[in-house]
């Protein structure tokens, strides 16, 4: 997540530096999905918005450690999070089962409430 007050040129510079670092480390740039400016759930440095980017890349653990170190000290980067993608070796997953409707039994206290209303 980048600072929303950052000029567009500086944002591109940060993304280019990340890509260069990944490729120099023997990794591959898989995908970049720019989510744009979004409202945050809480303020960071009195800013309620952030510019979000989802980056998918293949990199060695050493490259990822270096990338995290650089992003921590780079001005304009508000937050970052690296997540390990786990790929299945079993092929595509099975579809989820169809949801089934269940009859919800009436609670025991419901009968008590009806009797108390009749006494009044």
N, C-alpha and C. Protein backbone atom coordinates (compact mmCIF):
# COMPACT_ATOMS: atom_id res chain seq x y z
N UNK A 1 0.85 -1.16 0.00
CA UNK A 1 0.00 0.00 0.00
C UNK A 1 0.90 1.23 0.00
N UNK A 2 0.63 2.10 -0.93
CA UNK A 2 1.44 3.30 -1.07
C UNK A 2 0.70 4.52 -0.54
N UNK A 3 1.46 5.55 -0.21
CA UNK A 3 0.91 6.81 0.27
C UNK A 3 0.04 7.44 -0.81
N UNK A 4 -1.19 7.86 -0.48
CA UNK A 4 -2.06 8.44 -1.51
C UNK A 4 -1.59 9.80 -2.01
N UNK A 5 -0.74 10.49 -1.24
CA UNK A 5 -0.23 11.80 -1.65
C UNK A 5 1.01 11.70 -2.53
N UNK A 6 1.46 10.49 -2.79
CA UNK A 6 2.66 10.26 -3.59
C UNK A 6 2.36 10.56 -5.06
N UNK A 7 3.25 11.28 -5.76
CA UNK A 7 3.03 11.51 -7.19
C UNK A 7 3.05 10.19 -7.97
N UNK A 8 2.35 10.17 -9.07
CA UNK A 8 2.25 8.97 -9.91
C UNK A 8 3.62 8.49 -10.36
N UNK A 9 4.51 9.41 -10.68
CA UNK A 9 5.86 9.04 -11.13
C UNK A 9 6.62 8.31 -10.02
N UNK A 10 6.48 8.74 -8.79
CA UNK A 10 7.17 8.09 -7.67
C UNK A 10 6.60 6.69 -7.41
N UNK A 11 5.28 6.54 -7.57
CA UNK A 11 4.66 5.22 -7.42
C UNK A 11 5.22 4.25 -8.46
N UNK A 12 5.32 4.70 -9.69
CA UNK A 12 5.87 3.86 -10.76
C UNK A 12 7.33 3.52 -10.50
N UNK A 13 8.06 4.48 -9.93
CA UNK A 13 9.48 4.25 -9.60
C UNK A 13 9.62 3.14 -8.56
N UNK A 14 8.75 3.15 -7.54
CA UNK A 14 8.80 2.12 -6.50
C UNK A 14 8.48 0.75 -7.11
N UNK A 15 7.45 0.69 -7.95
CA UNK A 15 7.07 -0.58 -8.57
C UNK A 15 8.16 -1.10 -9.50
N UNK A 16 8.81 -0.20 -10.22
CA UNK A 16 9.91 -0.58 -11.11
C UNK A 16 11.08 -1.13 -10.31
N UNK A 17 11.36 -0.49 -9.17
CA UNK A 17 12.46 -0.97 -8.32
C UNK A 17 12.17 -2.37 -7.77
N UNK A 18 10.92 -2.62 -7.39
CA UNK A 18 10.54 -3.95 -6.90
C UNK A 18 10.73 -4.99 -8.00
N UNK A 19 10.27 -4.66 -9.20
CA UNK A 19 10.38 -5.60 -10.32
C UNK A 19 11.85 -5.89 -10.63
N UNK A 20 12.67 -4.86 -10.64
CA UNK A 20 14.10 -5.03 -10.93
C UNK A 20 14.76 -5.92 -9.88
N UNK A 21 14.44 -5.68 -8.61
CA UNK A 21 15.02 -6.47 -7.53
C UNK A 21 14.63 -7.95 -7.66
N UNK A 22 13.37 -8.21 -7.98
CA UNK A 22 12.90 -9.60 -8.12
C UNK A 22 13.62 -10.28 -9.29
N UNK A 23 13.71 -9.61 -10.42
CA UNK A 23 14.33 -10.21 -11.60
C UNK A 23 15.84 -10.38 -11.43
N UNK A 24 16.50 -9.46 -10.73
CA UNK A 24 17.93 -9.61 -10.46
C UNK A 24 18.20 -10.76 -9.50
N UNK A 25 17.23 -11.07 -8.64
CA UNK A 25 17.37 -12.16 -7.69
C UNK A 25 17.02 -13.52 -8.28
N UNK A 26 16.77 -13.57 -9.58
CA UNK A 26 16.45 -14.83 -10.24
C UNK A 26 14.98 -15.18 -10.19
N UNK A 27 14.14 -14.26 -9.75
CA UNK A 27 12.71 -14.50 -9.67
C UNK A 27 11.99 -14.08 -10.93
N UNK A 28 10.68 -14.20 -10.89
CA UNK A 28 9.85 -13.84 -12.04
C UNK A 28 8.68 -12.99 -11.57
N UNK A 29 8.39 -11.98 -12.35
CA UNK A 29 7.26 -11.09 -12.11
C UNK A 29 6.05 -11.77 -12.74
N UNK A 30 5.08 -12.21 -11.94
CA UNK A 30 3.94 -12.95 -12.44
C UNK A 30 2.81 -12.01 -12.86
N UNK A 31 2.42 -11.11 -11.96
CA UNK A 31 1.26 -10.26 -12.25
C UNK A 31 1.27 -9.03 -11.36
N UNK A 32 0.73 -7.94 -11.87
CA UNK A 32 0.55 -6.71 -11.10
C UNK A 32 -0.90 -6.27 -11.29
N UNK A 33 -1.62 -6.17 -10.18
CA UNK A 33 -3.01 -5.75 -10.22
C UNK A 33 -3.13 -4.47 -9.40
N UNK A 34 -3.33 -3.34 -10.07
CA UNK A 34 -3.45 -2.06 -9.38
C UNK A 34 -4.90 -1.89 -8.92
N UNK A 35 -5.12 -1.88 -7.61
CA UNK A 35 -6.47 -1.75 -7.07
C UNK A 35 -6.87 -0.28 -6.94
N UNK A 36 -5.90 0.60 -6.95
CA UNK A 36 -6.20 2.03 -6.88
C UNK A 36 -6.38 2.53 -5.45
N UNK A 37 -6.93 3.72 -5.37
CA UNK A 37 -7.09 4.40 -4.08
C UNK A 37 -8.31 3.82 -3.35
N UNK A 38 -8.11 3.40 -2.10
CA UNK A 38 -9.18 2.81 -1.30
C UNK A 38 -9.14 3.40 0.11
N UNK A 39 -10.31 3.44 0.73
CA UNK A 39 -10.40 3.90 2.12
C UNK A 39 -9.91 2.79 3.05
N UNK A 40 -9.14 3.21 4.04
CA UNK A 40 -8.61 2.26 5.01
C UNK A 40 -9.57 2.10 6.17
N UNK A 41 -9.45 1.01 6.90
CA UNK A 41 -10.28 0.77 8.07
C UNK A 41 -9.83 1.66 9.23
N UNK A 42 -8.57 2.05 9.24
CA UNK A 42 -8.04 2.90 10.30
C UNK A 42 -6.96 3.81 9.70
N UNK A 43 -6.66 4.88 10.40
CA UNK A 43 -5.69 5.86 9.90
C UNK A 43 -4.26 5.38 10.13
N UNK A 44 -3.40 5.74 9.19
CA UNK A 44 -1.96 5.56 9.33
C UNK A 44 -1.36 6.93 9.02
N UNK A 45 -0.62 7.48 9.96
CA UNK A 45 -0.03 8.81 9.81
C UNK A 45 -1.08 9.85 9.41
N UNK A 46 -2.25 9.76 10.03
CA UNK A 46 -3.37 10.68 9.81
C UNK A 46 -3.89 10.65 8.38
N UNK A 47 -3.72 9.53 7.71
CA UNK A 47 -4.22 9.36 6.34
C UNK A 47 -5.24 8.23 6.34
N UNK A 48 -6.40 8.50 5.78
CA UNK A 48 -7.48 7.52 5.78
C UNK A 48 -7.54 6.70 4.49
N UNK A 49 -6.76 7.07 3.48
CA UNK A 49 -6.76 6.36 2.20
C UNK A 49 -5.38 5.77 1.92
N UNK A 50 -5.34 4.84 0.99
CA UNK A 50 -4.08 4.27 0.53
C UNK A 50 -4.23 3.82 -0.90
N UNK A 51 -3.13 3.73 -1.61
CA UNK A 51 -3.13 3.24 -3.00
C UNK A 51 -2.63 1.80 -2.95
N UNK A 52 -3.53 0.88 -3.29
CA UNK A 52 -3.24 -0.54 -3.15
C UNK A 52 -2.74 -1.16 -4.45
N UNK A 53 -1.76 -2.04 -4.33
CA UNK A 53 -1.22 -2.80 -5.46
C UNK A 53 -1.07 -4.25 -5.02
N UNK A 54 -1.56 -5.17 -5.83
CA UNK A 54 -1.37 -6.59 -5.56
C UNK A 54 -0.32 -7.09 -6.54
N UNK A 55 0.80 -7.57 -6.00
CA UNK A 55 1.90 -8.05 -6.82
C UNK A 55 2.04 -9.55 -6.62
N UNK A 56 2.07 -10.30 -7.70
CA UNK A 56 2.35 -11.73 -7.62
C UNK A 56 3.69 -11.95 -8.29
N UNK A 57 4.58 -12.61 -7.54
CA UNK A 57 5.92 -12.85 -8.07
C UNK A 57 6.46 -14.15 -7.53
N UNK A 58 7.39 -14.71 -8.26
CA UNK A 58 8.12 -15.90 -7.81
C UNK A 58 9.52 -15.44 -7.46
N UNK A 59 9.93 -15.72 -6.21
CA UNK A 59 11.24 -15.26 -5.77
C UNK A 59 11.80 -16.22 -4.73
N UNK A 60 13.10 -16.18 -4.57
CA UNK A 60 13.75 -16.97 -3.55
C UNK A 60 13.51 -16.32 -2.18
N UNK A 61 13.65 -17.08 -1.11
CA UNK A 61 13.47 -16.49 0.23
C UNK A 61 14.43 -15.33 0.50
N UNK A 62 15.65 -15.42 -0.02
CA UNK A 62 16.62 -14.34 0.18
C UNK A 62 16.15 -13.07 -0.51
N UNK A 63 15.64 -13.21 -1.73
CA UNK A 63 15.15 -12.05 -2.47
C UNK A 63 13.96 -11.43 -1.76
N UNK A 64 13.07 -12.26 -1.24
CA UNK A 64 11.90 -11.77 -0.53
C UNK A 64 12.29 -11.04 0.75
N UNK A 65 13.31 -11.53 1.44
CA UNK A 65 13.81 -10.87 2.65
C UNK A 65 14.38 -9.49 2.29
N UNK A 66 15.15 -9.44 1.23
CA UNK A 66 15.73 -8.16 0.79
C UNK A 66 14.63 -7.20 0.34
N UNK A 67 13.63 -7.71 -0.35
CA UNK A 67 12.52 -6.89 -0.80
C UNK A 67 11.77 -6.30 0.40
N UNK A 68 11.50 -7.10 1.40
CA UNK A 68 10.83 -6.61 2.61
C UNK A 68 11.67 -5.55 3.32
N UNK A 69 12.98 -5.76 3.37
CA UNK A 69 13.86 -4.78 4.01
C UNK A 69 13.80 -3.44 3.29
N UNK A 70 13.83 -3.49 1.96
CA UNK A 70 13.81 -2.26 1.18
C UNK A 70 12.45 -1.56 1.30
N UNK A 71 11.36 -2.32 1.28
CA UNK A 71 10.04 -1.70 1.39
C UNK A 71 9.82 -1.06 2.76
N UNK A 72 10.44 -1.60 3.81
CA UNK A 72 10.31 -1.01 5.15
C UNK A 72 10.93 0.37 5.22
N UNK A 73 12.02 0.58 4.50
CA UNK A 73 12.73 1.86 4.60
C UNK A 73 12.41 2.83 3.47
N UNK A 74 11.56 2.41 2.52
CA UNK A 74 11.23 3.27 1.39
C UNK A 74 10.14 4.25 1.78
N UNK A 75 10.41 5.55 1.58
CA UNK A 75 9.39 6.57 1.82
C UNK A 75 8.28 6.38 0.80
N UNK A 76 7.05 6.50 1.25
CA UNK A 76 5.91 6.35 0.36
C UNK A 76 5.24 5.00 0.46
N UNK A 77 5.92 4.01 1.03
CA UNK A 77 5.31 2.70 1.24
C UNK A 77 4.75 2.71 2.66
N UNK A 78 3.41 2.65 2.75
CA UNK A 78 2.77 2.71 4.06
C UNK A 78 2.77 1.34 4.74
N UNK A 79 2.42 0.29 4.00
CA UNK A 79 2.39 -1.07 4.51
C UNK A 79 2.70 -2.03 3.38
N UNK A 80 3.23 -3.20 3.75
CA UNK A 80 3.41 -4.27 2.77
C UNK A 80 3.27 -5.60 3.49
N UNK A 81 2.90 -6.61 2.75
CA UNK A 81 2.72 -7.94 3.32
C UNK A 81 3.07 -8.96 2.26
N UNK A 82 3.98 -9.85 2.60
CA UNK A 82 4.37 -10.93 1.68
C UNK A 82 3.68 -12.21 2.16
N UNK A 83 3.00 -12.87 1.23
CA UNK A 83 2.26 -14.09 1.54
C UNK A 83 2.76 -15.19 0.63
N UNK A 84 2.99 -16.36 1.19
CA UNK A 84 3.46 -17.52 0.43
C UNK A 84 2.27 -18.21 -0.23
N UNK A 85 2.32 -18.36 -1.54
CA UNK A 85 1.27 -19.06 -2.29
C UNK A 85 1.55 -20.54 -2.26
N UNK A 86 0.58 -21.34 -1.88
CA UNK A 86 0.72 -22.79 -1.88
C UNK A 86 -0.02 -23.32 -3.09
N UNK A 87 0.68 -24.08 -3.92
CA UNK A 87 0.06 -24.64 -5.11
C UNK A 87 -0.22 -26.11 -4.87
N UNK A 88 -1.39 -26.53 -5.25
CA UNK A 88 -1.81 -27.91 -5.04
C UNK A 88 -1.13 -28.82 -6.05
N UNK A 89 -0.74 -30.01 -5.60
CA UNK A 89 -0.18 -31.01 -6.50
C UNK A 89 -1.23 -32.01 -6.93
N UNK A 90 -2.46 -31.84 -6.45
CA UNK A 90 -3.53 -32.79 -6.73
C UNK A 90 -4.45 -32.33 -7.85
N UNK A 91 -4.11 -31.29 -8.54
CA UNK A 91 -4.95 -30.79 -9.61
C UNK A 91 -6.02 -29.86 -9.07
N UNK A 92 -7.01 -29.56 -9.90
CA UNK A 92 -8.04 -28.63 -9.46
C UNK A 92 -8.86 -29.22 -8.30
N UNK A 93 -9.29 -28.34 -7.43
CA UNK A 93 -10.04 -28.80 -6.27
C UNK A 93 -11.47 -29.15 -6.67
N UNK A 94 -12.10 -29.94 -5.82
CA UNK A 94 -13.48 -30.33 -6.07
C UNK A 94 -14.40 -29.15 -5.78
N UNK A 95 -15.53 -29.08 -6.48
CA UNK A 95 -16.47 -28.00 -6.17
C UNK A 95 -17.09 -28.21 -4.80
N UNK A 96 -17.48 -27.13 -4.18
CA UNK A 96 -18.09 -27.20 -2.85
C UNK A 96 -19.46 -27.87 -2.96
N UNK A 97 -19.88 -28.58 -1.91
CA UNK A 97 -21.18 -29.23 -1.96
C UNK A 97 -22.31 -28.21 -2.00
N UNK A 98 -23.42 -28.64 -2.58
CA UNK A 98 -24.59 -27.78 -2.65
C UNK A 98 -25.10 -27.50 -1.24
N UNK A 99 -25.47 -26.26 -0.94
CA UNK A 99 -26.02 -25.99 0.39
C UNK A 99 -27.38 -26.66 0.53
N UNK A 100 -27.62 -27.26 1.69
CA UNK A 100 -28.88 -27.94 1.94
C UNK A 100 -29.69 -27.15 2.95
N UNK A 101 -30.99 -27.07 2.70
CA UNK A 101 -31.86 -26.38 3.63
C UNK A 101 -32.16 -27.31 4.79
N UNK A 102 -32.08 -26.77 5.99
CA UNK A 102 -32.38 -27.56 7.18
C UNK A 102 -33.55 -26.91 7.89
N UNK A 103 -34.46 -27.73 8.36
CA UNK A 103 -35.56 -27.20 9.15
C UNK A 103 -35.03 -26.90 10.55
N UNK A 104 -35.24 -25.69 10.99
CA UNK A 104 -34.75 -25.28 12.30
C UNK A 104 -35.83 -25.62 13.33
N UNK A 105 -35.51 -26.45 14.32
CA UNK A 105 -36.53 -26.79 15.32
C UNK A 105 -36.87 -25.58 16.17
N UNK A 106 -38.11 -25.51 16.61
CA UNK A 106 -38.54 -24.41 17.45
C UNK A 106 -37.94 -24.59 18.84
N UNK A 107 -37.37 -23.55 19.42
CA UNK A 107 -36.75 -23.69 20.73
C UNK A 107 -37.80 -23.99 21.80
N UNK A 108 -37.34 -24.65 22.87
CA UNK A 108 -38.23 -25.06 23.95
C UNK A 108 -38.89 -23.87 24.64
N UNK A 109 -38.20 -22.77 24.73
CA UNK A 109 -38.75 -21.62 25.44
C UNK A 109 -39.92 -20.97 24.70
N UNK A 110 -40.10 -21.28 23.42
CA UNK A 110 -41.19 -20.68 22.65
C UNK A 110 -42.53 -21.10 23.22
N UNK A 111 -42.69 -22.36 23.60
CA UNK A 111 -43.95 -22.82 24.17
C UNK A 111 -44.20 -22.14 25.51
N UNK A 112 -43.16 -21.89 26.28
CA UNK A 112 -43.30 -21.22 27.56
C UNK A 112 -43.83 -19.81 27.35
N UNK A 113 -43.36 -19.12 26.36
CA UNK A 113 -43.83 -17.75 26.09
C UNK A 113 -45.30 -17.72 25.71
N UNK A 114 -45.78 -18.72 24.98
CA UNK A 114 -47.18 -18.75 24.57
C UNK A 114 -48.05 -18.93 25.81
N UNK A 115 -47.68 -19.81 26.71
CA UNK A 115 -48.46 -20.03 27.93
C UNK A 115 -48.50 -18.79 28.80
N UNK A 116 -47.39 -18.08 28.91
CA UNK A 116 -47.36 -16.89 29.75
C UNK A 116 -48.24 -15.79 29.17
N UNK A 117 -48.36 -15.73 27.86
CA UNK A 117 -49.23 -14.75 27.23
C UNK A 117 -50.70 -15.08 27.47
N UNK A 118 -51.05 -16.37 27.53
CA UNK A 118 -52.43 -16.80 27.73
C UNK A 118 -52.89 -16.50 29.15
N UNK A 119 -52.00 -16.49 30.13
CA UNK A 119 -52.37 -16.24 31.51
C UNK A 119 -52.75 -14.82 31.76
N UNK A 120 -52.31 -13.90 30.98
CA UNK A 120 -52.60 -12.47 31.20
C UNK A 120 -53.96 -12.10 30.86
